[in-house]
Every structure is written in C-alpha cells, then in structure tokens.
Amino acid sequence: MRCYLAGILFPIIYLTAEPYKSNRFIRFHAFQSIEFTLAWAAMTITTDSVRHQMGGISALLSGLWFLFLVVWFVLMFKAYRGQMFKLPMLGSLAARWAG
C-alpha cells in the first residue's frame, strides 16, 4: 500500500532496497504505482492546459480527475489486502517488469 502514497519516491525506494526488491508482489505494485503516477501527472498537465483554453468543459475534466482519485484509493486498498489488481495496460506492463 505504501507504494502508492508518495508519488514515485516510495516505489523507487522499494525497488532498490532489500528485502523489498526481491519480492515480486512489492515490485509489481511499485512499478504499477510509478506508471499510474506518471499517467496522473500527464492527465493533470493536459487538463490544465485544456481548462485554460476552453473553460466550458471544466466539469468533465474535474470528473476525470475524481476518477483518477478513486482508482488511486482502489489501488491502495487492493495492495493492502494483498491482491495483485492490474490496471488495464499499466498492470500488464508492471507484471512484466516485476518478473
């Protein structure tokens, strides 16, 4: 669960420190957390740019941000429960990188 708390800081720590780096479950969630954080950052940058240009779709963009927030909570809950919950596309890539 802690992999999802501090952006990419905790996942990098878990991927480099023993005994975490040899645990496939932790590696999977660390990689998925990094990918999710980067996707969230890209979405935030894109929506901020669009929001400044087109004010009328602000509610839609806020809904998208809220969806990312809900998914983030789901990822933390699933990791806490010991489940390898895979996001579409990101989860498959994280599983491949985790080994």
PDB file of N, CA and C in Angstrom:
ATOM      1  N   MET A   1       0.815  -1.189   0.000  1.00  0.00           N
ATOM      2  CA  MET A   1       0.000   0.000   0.000  1.00  0.00           C
ATOM      3  C   MET A   1       0.861   1.255   0.000  1.00  0.00           C
ATOM      4  N   ARG A   2       1.965   1.213   0.701  1.00  0.00           N
ATOM      5  CA  ARG A   2       2.821   2.400   0.778  1.00  0.00           C
ATOM      6  C   ARG A   2       3.425   2.775  -0.566  1.00  0.00           C
ATOM      7  N   CYS A   3       3.439   1.835  -1.505  1.00  0.00           N
ATOM      8  CA  CYS A   3       3.962   2.143  -2.834  1.00  0.00           C
ATOM      9  C   CYS A   3       3.177   3.264  -3.496  1.00  0.00           C
ATOM     10  N   TYR A   4       1.917   3.400  -3.143  1.00  0.00           N
ATOM     11  CA  TYR A   4       1.051   4.372  -3.797  1.00  0.00           C
ATOM     12  C   TYR A   4       0.978   5.715  -3.069  1.00  0.00           C
ATOM     13  N   LEU A   5       1.658   5.850  -1.939  1.00  0.00           N
ATOM     14  CA  LEU A   5       1.469   7.047  -1.117  1.00  0.00           C
ATOM     15  C   LEU A   5       2.244   8.284  -1.558  1.00  0.00           C
ATOM     16  N   ALA A   6       3.465   8.162  -1.962  1.00  0.00           N
ATOM     17  CA  ALA A   6       4.300   9.348  -2.177  1.00  0.00           C
ATOM     18  C   ALA A   6       4.785   9.469  -3.621  1.00  0.00           C
ATOM     19  N   GLY A   7       3.855   9.392  -4.561  1.00  0.00           N
ATOM     20  CA  GLY A   7       4.249   9.546  -5.957  1.00  0.00           C
ATOM     21  C   GLY A   7       5.198   8.463  -6.394  1.00  0.00           C
ATOM     22  N   ILE A   8       6.372   8.846  -6.847  1.00  0.00           N
ATOM     23  CA  ILE A   8       7.339   7.839  -7.287  1.00  0.00           C
ATOM     24  C   ILE A   8       8.470   7.632  -6.278  1.00  0.00           C
ATOM     25  N   LEU A   9       8.452   8.365  -5.171  1.00  0.00           N
ATOM     26  CA  LEU A   9       9.512   8.238  -4.169  1.00  0.00           C
ATOM     27  C   LEU A   9       9.514   6.861  -3.501  1.00  0.00           C
ATOM     28  N   PHE A  10       8.411   6.459  -2.909  1.00  0.00           N
ATOM     29  CA  PHE A  10       8.351   5.161  -2.229  1.00  0.00           C
ATOM     30  C   PHE A  10       8.570   3.989  -3.178  1.00  0.00           C
ATOM     31  N   PRO A  11       7.954   3.992  -4.370  1.00  0.00           N
ATOM     32  CA  PRO A  11       8.213   2.864  -5.269  1.00  0.00           C
ATOM     33  C   PRO A  11       9.698   2.716  -5.626  1.00  0.00           C
ATOM     34  N   ILE A  12      10.375   3.813  -5.811  1.00  0.00           N
ATOM     35  CA  ILE A  12      11.815   3.728  -6.130  1.00  0.00           C
ATOM     36  C   ILE A  12      12.578   3.165  -4.946  1.00  0.00           C
ATOM     37  N   ILE A  13      12.217   3.573  -3.738  1.00  0.00           N
ATOM     38  CA  ILE A  13      12.869   3.021  -2.546  1.00  0.00           C
ATOM     39  C   ILE A  13      12.635   1.516  -2.474  1.00  0.00           C
ATOM     40  N   TYR A  14      11.385   1.094  -2.707  1.00  0.00           N
ATOM     41  CA  TYR A  14      11.066  -0.334  -2.643  1.00  0.00           C
ATOM     42  C   TYR A  14      11.743  -1.138  -3.751  1.00  0.00           C
ATOM     43  N   LEU A  15      11.983  -0.522  -4.882  1.00  0.00           N
ATOM     44  CA  LEU A  15      12.639  -1.238  -5.981  1.00  0.00           C
ATOM     45  C   LEU A  15      14.152  -1.342  -5.794  1.00  0.00           C
ATOM     46  N   THR A  16      14.701  -0.568  -4.880  1.00  0.00           N
ATOM     47  CA  THR A  16      16.157  -0.581  -4.697  1.00  0.00           C
ATOM     48  C   THR A  16      16.613  -1.147  -3.355  1.00  0.00           C
ATOM     49  N   ALA A  17      15.719  -1.267  -2.391  1.00  0.00           N
ATOM     50  CA  ALA A  17      16.119  -1.696  -1.047  1.00  0.00           C
ATOM     51  C   ALA A  17      15.745  -3.155  -0.796  1.00  0.00           C
ATOM     52  N   GLU A  18      16.649  -3.851  -0.123  1.00  0.00           N
ATOM     53  CA  GLU A  18      16.341  -5.212   0.327  1.00  0.00           C
ATOM     54  C   GLU A  18      15.484  -5.113   1.575  1.00  0.00           C
ATOM     55  N   PRO A  19      14.632  -6.013   1.871  1.00  0.00           N
ATOM     56  CA  PRO A  19      14.265  -7.231   1.146  1.00  0.00           C
ATOM     57  C   PRO A  19      13.163  -7.006   0.118  1.00  0.00           C
ATOM     58  N   TYR A  20      12.746  -5.752  -0.029  1.00  0.00           N
ATOM     59  CA  TYR A  20      11.601  -5.446  -0.882  1.00  0.00           C
ATOM     60  C   TYR A  20      11.863  -5.729  -2.353  1.00  0.00           C
ATOM     61  N   LYS A  21      13.071  -5.423  -2.828  1.00  0.00           N
ATOM     62  CA  LYS A  21      13.322  -5.534  -4.260  1.00  0.00           C
ATOM     63  C   LYS A  21      13.284  -6.969  -4.779  1.00  0.00           C
ATOM     64  N   SER A  22      13.337  -7.953  -3.906  1.00  0.00           N
ATOM     65  CA  SER A  22      13.261  -9.338  -4.354  1.00  0.00           C
ATOM     66  C   SER A  22      11.853  -9.927  -4.213  1.00  0.00           C
ATOM     67  N   ASN A  23      10.907  -9.149  -3.705  1.00  0.00           N
ATOM     68  CA  ASN A  23       9.530  -9.602  -3.543  1.00  0.00           C
ATOM     69  C   ASN A  23       8.723  -9.200  -4.785  1.00  0.00           C
ATOM     70  N   ARG A  24       8.234 -10.202  -5.532  1.00  0.00           N
ATOM     71  CA  ARG A  24       7.525  -9.935  -6.788  1.00  0.00           C
ATOM     72  C   ARG A  24       6.266  -9.102  -6.564  1.00  0.00           C
ATOM     73  N   PHE A  25       5.532  -9.351  -5.489  1.00  0.00           N
ATOM     74  CA  PHE A  25       4.315  -8.600  -5.191  1.00  0.00           C
ATOM     75  C   PHE A  25       4.614  -7.112  -4.995  1.00  0.00           C
ATOM     76  N   ILE A  26       5.635  -6.815  -4.216  1.00  0.00           N
ATOM     77  CA  ILE A  26       6.007  -5.421  -3.967  1.00  0.00           C
ATOM     78  C   ILE A  26       6.538  -4.774  -5.233  1.00  0.00           C
ATOM     79  N   ARG A  27       7.332  -5.523  -6.006  1.00  0.00           N
ATOM     80  CA  ARG A  27       7.853  -4.986  -7.268  1.00  0.00           C
ATOM     81  C   ARG A  27       6.707  -4.635  -8.226  1.00  0.00           C
ATOM     82  N   PHE A  28       5.712  -5.520  -8.306  1.00  0.00           N
ATOM     83  CA  PHE A  28       4.569  -5.264  -9.180  1.00  0.00           C
ATOM     84  C   PHE A  28       3.875  -3.959  -8.790  1.00  0.00           C
ATOM     85  N   HIS A  29       3.565  -3.811  -7.504  1.00  0.00           N
ATOM     86  CA  HIS A  29       2.851  -2.605  -7.077  1.00  0.00           C
ATOM     87  C   HIS A  29       3.731  -1.358  -7.194  1.00  0.00           C
ATOM     88  N   ALA A  30       5.024  -1.494  -7.005  1.00  0.00           N
ATOM     89  CA  ALA A  30       5.919  -0.349  -7.172  1.00  0.00           C
ATOM     90  C   ALA A  30       5.926   0.110  -8.630  1.00  0.00           C
ATOM     91  N   PHE A  31       6.044  -0.829  -9.563  1.00  0.00           N
ATOM     92  CA  PHE A  31       6.034  -0.457 -10.979  1.00  0.00           C
ATOM     93  C   PHE A  31       4.678   0.111 -11.393  1.00  0.00           C
ATOM     94  N   GLN A  32       3.597  -0.497 -10.931  1.00  0.00           N
ATOM     95  CA  GLN A  32       2.272  -0.003 -11.296  1.00  0.00           C
ATOM     96  C   GLN A  32       2.044   1.390 -10.698  1.00  0.00           C
ATOM     97  N   SER A  33       2.556   1.628  -9.503  1.00  0.00           N
ATOM     98  CA  SER A  33       2.431   2.935  -8.875  1.00  0.00           C
ATOM     99  C   SER A  33       3.172   4.003  -9.681  1.00  0.00           C
ATOM    100  N   ILE A  34       4.372   3.686 -10.141  1.00  0.00           N
ATOM    101  CA  ILE A  34       5.136   4.637 -10.957  1.00  0.00           C
ATOM    102  C   ILE A  34       4.376   4.947 -12.239  1.00  0.00           C
ATOM    103  N   GLU A  35       3.876   3.919 -12.900  1.00  0.00           N
ATOM    104  CA  GLU A  35       3.135   4.120 -14.147  1.00  0.00           C
ATOM    105  C   GLU A  35       1.868   4.941 -13.902  1.00  0.00           C
ATOM    106  N   PHE A  36       1.146   4.619 -12.842  1.00  0.00           N
ATOM    107  CA  PHE A  36      -0.095   5.342 -12.525  1.00  0.00           C
ATOM    108  C   PHE A  36       0.198   6.803 -12.199  1.00  0.00           C
ATOM    109  N   THR A  37       1.248   7.059 -11.438  1.00  0.00           N
ATOM    110  CA  THR A  37       1.615   8.428 -11.085  1.00  0.00           C
ATOM    111  C   THR A  37       1.985   9.226 -12.324  1.00  0.00           C
ATOM    112  N   LEU A  38       2.720   8.615 -13.237  1.00  0.00           N
ATOM    113  CA  LEU A  38       3.083   9.308 -14.479  1.00  0.00           C
ATOM    114  C   LEU A  38       1.849   9.577 -15.341  1.00  0.00           C
ATOM    115  N   ALA A  39       0.924   8.626 -15.376  1.00  0.00           N
ATOM    116  CA  ALA A  39      -0.325   8.838 -16.127  1.00  0.00           C
ATOM    117  C   ALA A  39      -1.140   9.964 -15.492  1.00  0.00           C
ATOM    118  N   TRP A  40      -1.193   9.983 -14.171  1.00  0.00           N
ATOM    119  CA  TRP A  40      -1.920  11.030 -13.456  1.00  0.00           C
ATOM    120  C   TRP A  40      -1.286  12.399 -13.742  1.00  0.00           C
ATOM    121  N   ALA A  41       0.038  12.461 -13.714  1.00  0.00           N
ATOM    122  CA  ALA A  41       0.728  13.726 -13.986  1.00  0.00           C
ATOM    123  C   ALA A  41       0.466  14.191 -15.421  1.00  0.00           C
ATOM    124  N   ALA A  42       0.516  13.268 -16.369  1.00  0.00           N
ATOM    125  CA  ALA A  42       0.245  13.622 -17.762  1.00  0.00           C
ATOM    126  C   ALA A  42      -1.187  14.121 -17.927  1.00  0.00           C
ATOM    127  N   MET A  43      -2.129  13.457 -17.264  1.00  0.00           N
ATOM    128  CA  MET A  43      -3.525  13.874 -17.332  1.00  0.00           C
ATOM    129  C   MET A  43      -3.707  15.253 -16.706  1.00  0.00           C
ATOM    130  N   THR A  44      -3.053  15.510 -15.597  1.00  0.00           N
ATOM    131  CA  THR A  44      -3.167  16.805 -14.926  1.00  0.00           C
ATOM    132  C   THR A  44      -2.605  17.923 -15.793  1.00  0.00           C
ATOM    133  N   ILE A  45      -1.459  17.698 -16.390  1.00  0.00           N
ATOM    134  CA  ILE A  45      -0.848  18.708 -17.260  1.00  0.00           C
ATOM    135  C   ILE A  45      -1.746  18.977 -18.463  1.00  0.00           C
ATOM    136  N   THR A  46      -2.274  17.919 -19.060  1.00  0.00           N
ATOM    137  CA  THR A  46      -3.133  18.063 -20.231  1.00  0.00           C
ATOM    138  C   THR A  46      -4.424  18.779 -19.880  1.00  0.00           C
ATOM    139  N   THR A  47      -5.064  18.375 -18.785  1.00  0.00           N
ATOM    140  CA  THR A  47      -6.339  19.008 -18.425  1.00  0.00           C
ATOM    141  C   THR A  47      -6.157  20.462 -18.006  1.00  0.00           C
ATOM    142  N   ASP A  48      -5.057  20.769 -17.357  1.00  0.00           N
ATOM    143  CA  ASP A  48      -4.809  22.170 -17.002  1.00  0.00           C
ATOM    144  C   ASP A  48      -4.655  23.021 -18.253  1.00  0.00           C
ATOM    145  N   SER A  49      -3.964  22.483 -19.238  1.00  0.00           N
ATOM    146  CA  SER A  49      -3.783  23.197 -20.494  1.00  0.00           C
ATOM    147  C   SER A  49      -5.118  23.404 -21.207  1.00  0.00           C
ATOM    148  N   VAL A  50      -5.934  22.353 -21.252  1.00  0.00           N
ATOM    149  CA  VAL A  50      -7.239  22.447 -21.915  1.00  0.00           C
ATOM    150  C   VAL A  50      -8.169  23.356 -21.136  1.00  0.00           C
ATOM    151  N   ARG A  51      -8.127  23.288 -19.816  1.00  0.00           N
ATOM    152  CA  ARG A  51      -9.011  24.094 -18.971  1.00  0.00           C
ATOM    153  C   ARG A  51      -8.777  25.585 -19.201  1.00  0.00           C
ATOM    154  N   HIS A  52      -7.529  25.977 -19.417  1.00  0.00           N
ATOM    155  CA  HIS A  52      -7.225  27.389 -19.636  1.00  0.00           C
ATOM    156  C   HIS A  52      -7.705  27.851 -21.004  1.00  0.00           C
ATOM    157  N   GLN A  53      -7.746  26.942 -21.957  1.00  0.00           N
ATOM    158  CA  GLN A  53      -8.166  27.309 -23.307  1.00  0.00           C
ATOM    159  C   GLN A  53      -9.672  27.214 -23.494  1.00  0.00           C
ATOM    160  N   MET A  54     -10.298  26.238 -22.855  1.00  0.00           N
ATOM    161  CA  MET A  54     -11.729  26.001 -23.049  1.00  0.00           C
ATOM    162  C   MET A  54     -12.386  25.839 -21.682  1.00  0.00           C
ATOM    163  N   GLY A  55     -12.923  26.875 -21.140  1.00  0.00           N
ATOM    164  CA  GLY A  55     -13.493  26.838 -19.801  1.00  0.00           C
ATOM    165  C   GLY A  55     -14.761  26.015 -19.680  1.00  0.00           C
ATOM    166  N   GLY A  56     -15.465  25.763 -20.767  1.00  0.00           N
ATOM    167  CA  GLY A  56     -16.751  25.098 -20.727  1.00  0.00           C
ATOM    168  C   GLY A  56     -16.715  23.634 -20.342  1.00  0.00           C
ATOM    169  N   ILE A  57     -15.592  22.968 -20.512  1.00  0.00           N
ATOM    170  CA  ILE A  57     -15.522  21.533 -20.204  1.00  0.00           C
ATOM    171  C   ILE A  57     -14.861  21.276 -18.857  1.00  0.00           C
ATOM    172  N   SER A  58     -14.880  22.263 -18.023  1.00  0.00           N
ATOM    173  CA  SER A  58     -14.236  22.167 -16.717  1.00  0.00           C
ATOM    174  C   SER A  58     -14.834  21.054 -15.858  1.00  0.00           C
ATOM    175  N   ALA A  59     -16.149  20.878 -15.907  1.00  0.00           N
ATOM    176  CA  ALA A  59     -16.801  19.837 -15.100  1.00  0.00           C
ATOM    177  C   ALA A  59     -16.365  18.444 -15.552  1.00  0.00           C
ATOM    178  N   LEU A  60     -16.237  18.257 -16.861  1.00  0.00           N
ATOM    179  CA  LEU A  60     -15.786  16.972 -17.390  1.00  0.00           C
ATOM    180  C   LEU A  60     -14.363  16.664 -16.922  1.00  0.00           C
ATOM    181  N   LEU A  61     -13.513  17.652 -16.958  1.00  0.00           N
ATOM    182  CA  LEU A  61     -12.133  17.456 -16.534  1.00  0.00           C
ATOM    183  C   LEU A  61     -12.038  17.202 -15.035  1.00  0.00           C
ATOM    184  N   SER A  62     -12.883  17.847 -14.265  1.00  0.00           N
ATOM    185  CA  SER A  62     -12.914  17.596 -12.820  1.00  0.00           C
ATOM    186  C   SER A  62     -13.375  16.175 -12.542  1.00  0.00           C
ATOM    187  N   GLY A  63     -14.318  15.677 -13.337  1.00  0.00           N
ATOM    188  CA  GLY A  63     -14.778  14.296 -13.202  1.00  0.00           C
ATOM    189  C   GLY A  63     -13.679  13.307 -13.506  1.00  0.00           C
ATOM    190  N   LEU A  64     -12.871  13.622 -14.504  1.00  0.00           N
ATOM    191  CA  LEU A  64     -11.744  12.755 -14.854  1.00  0.00           C
ATOM    192  C   LEU A  64     -10.722  12.724 -13.722  1.00  0.00           C
ATOM    193  N   TRP A  65     -10.455  13.889 -13.129  1.00  0.00           N
ATOM    194  CA  TRP A  65      -9.531  13.945 -12.004  1.00  0.00           C
ATOM    195  C   TRP A  65     -10.076  13.139 -10.833  1.00  0.00           C
ATOM    196  N   PHE A  66     -11.395  13.235 -10.576  1.00  0.00           N
ATOM    197  CA  PHE A  66     -12.023  12.482  -9.498  1.00  0.00           C
ATOM    198  C   PHE A  66     -11.922  10.979  -9.765  1.00  0.00           C
ATOM    199  N   LEU A  67     -12.071  10.560 -11.010  1.00  0.00           N
ATOM    200  CA  LEU A  67     -11.942   9.149 -11.369  1.00  0.00           C
ATOM    201  C   LEU A  67     -10.531   8.635 -11.052  1.00  0.00           C
ATOM    202  N   PHE A  68      -9.519   9.421 -11.382  1.00  0.00           N
ATOM    203  CA  PHE A  68      -8.151   9.035 -11.046  1.00  0.00           C
ATOM    204  C   PHE A  68      -7.990   8.899  -9.530  1.00  0.00           C
ATOM    205  N   LEU A  69      -8.606   9.784  -8.768  1.00  0.00           N
ATOM    206  CA  LEU A  69      -8.523   9.726  -7.309  1.00  0.00           C
ATOM    207  C   LEU A  69      -9.160   8.444  -6.776  1.00  0.00           C
ATOM    208  N   VAL A  70     -10.315   8.079  -7.304  1.00  0.00           N
ATOM    209  CA  VAL A  70     -10.994   6.851  -6.887  1.00  0.00           C
ATOM    210  C   VAL A  70     -10.142   5.631  -7.225  1.00  0.00           C
ATOM    211  N   VAL A  71      -9.571   5.598  -8.422  1.00  0.00           N
ATOM    212  CA  VAL A  71      -8.720   4.477  -8.820  1.00  0.00           C
ATOM    213  C   VAL A  71      -7.510   4.388  -7.901  1.00  0.00           C
ATOM    214  N   TRP A  72      -6.945   5.524  -7.528  1.00  0.00           N
ATOM    215  CA  TRP A  72      -5.802   5.534  -6.616  1.00  0.00           C
ATOM    216  C   TRP A  72      -6.168   4.887  -5.284  1.00  0.00           C
ATOM    217  N   PHE A  73      -7.345   5.226  -4.728  1.00  0.00           N
ATOM    218  CA  PHE A  73      -7.790   4.602  -3.475  1.00  0.00           C
ATOM    219  C   PHE A  73      -8.013   3.100  -3.654  1.00  0.00           C
ATOM    220  N   VAL A  74      -8.574   2.698  -4.778  1.00  0.00           N
ATOM    221  CA  VAL A  74      -8.790   1.272  -5.048  1.00  0.00           C
ATOM    222  C   VAL A  74      -7.449   0.543  -5.102  1.00  0.00           C
ATOM    223  N   LEU A  75      -6.469   1.128  -5.764  1.00  0.00           N
ATOM    224  CA  LEU A  75      -5.145   0.502  -5.847  1.00  0.00           C
ATOM    225  C   LEU A  75      -4.527   0.330  -4.459  1.00  0.00           C
ATOM    226  N   MET A  76      -4.648   1.343  -3.623  1.00  0.00           N
ATOM    227  CA  MET A  76      -4.099   1.233  -2.268  1.00  0.00           C
ATOM    228  C   MET A  76      -4.830   0.157  -1.470  1.00  0.00           C
ATOM    229  N   PHE A  77      -6.144   0.116  -1.582  1.00  0.00           N
ATOM    230  CA  PHE A  77      -6.938  -0.875  -0.846  1.00  0.00           C
ATOM    231  C   PHE A  77      -6.600  -2.290  -1.302  1.00  0.00           C
ATOM    232  N   LYS A  78      -6.500  -2.495  -2.599  1.00  0.00           N
ATOM    233  CA  LYS A  78      -6.188  -3.828  -3.120  1.00  0.00           C
ATOM    234  C   LYS A  78      -4.781  -4.265  -2.699  1.00  0.00           C
ATOM    235  N   ALA A  79      -3.827  -3.356  -2.730  1.00  0.00           N
ATOM    236  CA  ALA A  79      -2.464  -3.691  -2.294  1.00  0.00           C
ATOM    237  C   ALA A  79      -2.455  -4.027  -0.807  1.00  0.00           C
ATOM    238  N   TYR A  80      -3.192  -3.272  -0.016  1.00  0.00           N
ATOM    239  CA  TYR A  80      -3.286  -3.529   1.415  1.00  0.00           C
ATOM    240  C   TYR A  80      -3.873  -4.911   1.691  1.00  0.00           C
ATOM    241  N   ARG A  81      -4.834  -5.322   0.874  1.00  0.00           N
ATOM    242  CA  ARG A  81      -5.488  -6.630   1.035  1.00  0.00           C
ATOM    243  C   ARG A  81      -4.657  -7.772   0.445  1.00  0.00           C
ATOM    244  N   GLY A  82      -3.502  -7.456  -0.160  1.00  0.00           N
ATOM    245  CA  GLY A  82      -2.627  -8.490  -0.697  1.00  0.00           C
ATOM    246  C   GLY A  82      -3.023  -8.983  -2.073  1.00  0.00           C
ATOM    247  N   GLN A  83      -3.774  -8.186  -2.810  1.00  0.00           N
ATOM    248  CA  GLN A  83      -4.230  -8.577  -4.136  1.00  0.00           C
ATOM    249  C   GLN A  83      -3.406  -7.882  -5.215  1.00  0.00           C
ATOM    250  N   MET A  84      -3.121  -8.612  -6.285  1.00  0.00           N
ATOM    251  CA  MET A  84      -2.417  -8.027  -7.423  1.00  0.00           C
ATOM    252  C   MET A  84      -3.452  -7.543  -8.432  1.00  0.00           C
ATOM    253  N   PHE A  85      -4.064  -6.426  -8.151  1.00  0.00           N
ATOM    254  CA  PHE A  85      -5.078  -5.826  -9.013  1.00  0.00           C
ATOM    255  C   PHE A  85      -4.370  -5.111 -10.153  1.00  0.00           C
ATOM    256  N   LYS A  86      -4.627  -5.549 -11.375  1.00  0.00           N
ATOM    257  CA  LYS A  86      -3.957  -4.973 -12.538  1.00  0.00           C
ATOM    258  C   LYS A  86      -4.851  -3.965 -13.236  1.00  0.00           C
ATOM    259  N   LEU A  87      -4.306  -2.780 -13.418  1.00  0.00           N
ATOM    260  CA  LEU A  87      -4.987  -1.798 -14.249  1.00  0.00           C
ATOM    261  C   LEU A  87      -4.836  -2.209 -15.715  1.00  0.00           C
ATOM    262  N   PRO A  88      -5.811  -1.862 -16.560  1.00  0.00           N
ATOM    263  CA  PRO A  88      -5.652  -2.168 -17.989  1.00  0.00           C
ATOM    264  C   PRO A  88      -4.379  -1.509 -18.524  1.00  0.00           C
ATOM    265  N   MET A  89      -3.654  -2.205 -19.313  1.00  0.00           N
ATOM    266  CA  MET A  89      -2.389  -1.806 -19.938  1.00  0.00           C
ATOM    267  C   MET A  89      -1.274  -1.580 -18.921  1.00  0.00           C
ATOM    268  N   LEU A  90      -1.477  -0.735 -17.943  1.00  0.00           N
ATOM    269  CA  LEU A  90      -0.428  -0.452 -16.960  1.00  0.00           C
ATOM    270  C   LEU A  90      -0.103  -1.674 -16.128  1.00  0.00           C
ATOM    271  N   GLY A  91      -1.105  -2.418 -15.721  1.00  0.00           N
ATOM    272  CA  GLY A  91      -0.895  -3.603 -14.891  1.00  0.00           C
ATOM    273  C   GLY A  91      -0.131  -4.699 -15.606  1.00  0.00           C
ATOM    274  N   SER A  92      -0.425  -4.892 -16.886  1.00  0.00           N
ATOM    275  CA  SER A  92       0.298  -5.910 -17.661  1.00  0.00           C
ATOM    276  C   SER A  92       1.766  -5.548 -17.791  1.00  0.00           C
ATOM    277  N   LEU A  93       2.025  -4.283 -18.040  1.00  0.00           N
ATOM    278  CA  LEU A  93       3.406  -3.817 -18.153  1.00  0.00           C
ATOM    279  C   LEU A  93       4.123  -3.948 -16.815  1.00  0.00           C
ATOM    280  N   ALA A  94       3.452  -3.590 -15.730  1.00  0.00           N
ATOM    281  CA  ALA A  94       4.052  -3.711 -14.398  1.00  0.00           C
ATOM    282  C   ALA A  94       4.348  -5.173 -14.066  1.00  0.00           C
ATOM    283  N   ALA A  95       3.444  -6.076 -14.417  1.00  0.00           N
ATOM    284  CA  ALA A  95       3.670  -7.504 -14.156  1.00  0.00           C
ATOM    285  C   ALA A  95       4.866  -8.016 -14.941  1.00  0.00           C
ATOM    286  N   ARG A  96       5.001  -7.561 -16.164  1.00  0.00           N
ATOM    287  CA  ARG A  96       6.156  -7.987 -16.975  1.00  0.00           C
ATOM    288  C   ARG A  96       7.453  -7.460 -16.384  1.00  0.00           C
ATOM    289  N   TRP A  97       7.458  -6.208 -15.943  1.00  0.00           N
ATOM    290  CA  TRP A  97       8.668  -5.628 -15.353  1.00  0.00           C
ATOM    291  C   TRP A  97       8.993  -6.260 -14.004  1.00  0.00           C
ATOM    292  N   ALA A  98       7.983  -6.659 -13.255  1.00  0.00           N
ATOM    293  CA  ALA A  98       8.205  -7.258 -11.934  1.00  0.00           C
ATOM    294  C   ALA A  98       8.809  -8.645 -12.039  1.00  0.00           C
ATOM    295  N   GLY A  99       8.642  -9.269 -13.192  1.00  0.00           N
ATOM    296  CA  GLY A  99       9.260 -10.582 -13.410  1.00  0.00           C
ATOM    297  C   GLY A  99       8.369 -11.728 -13.158  1.00  0.00           C
TER     298      GLY A  99
END
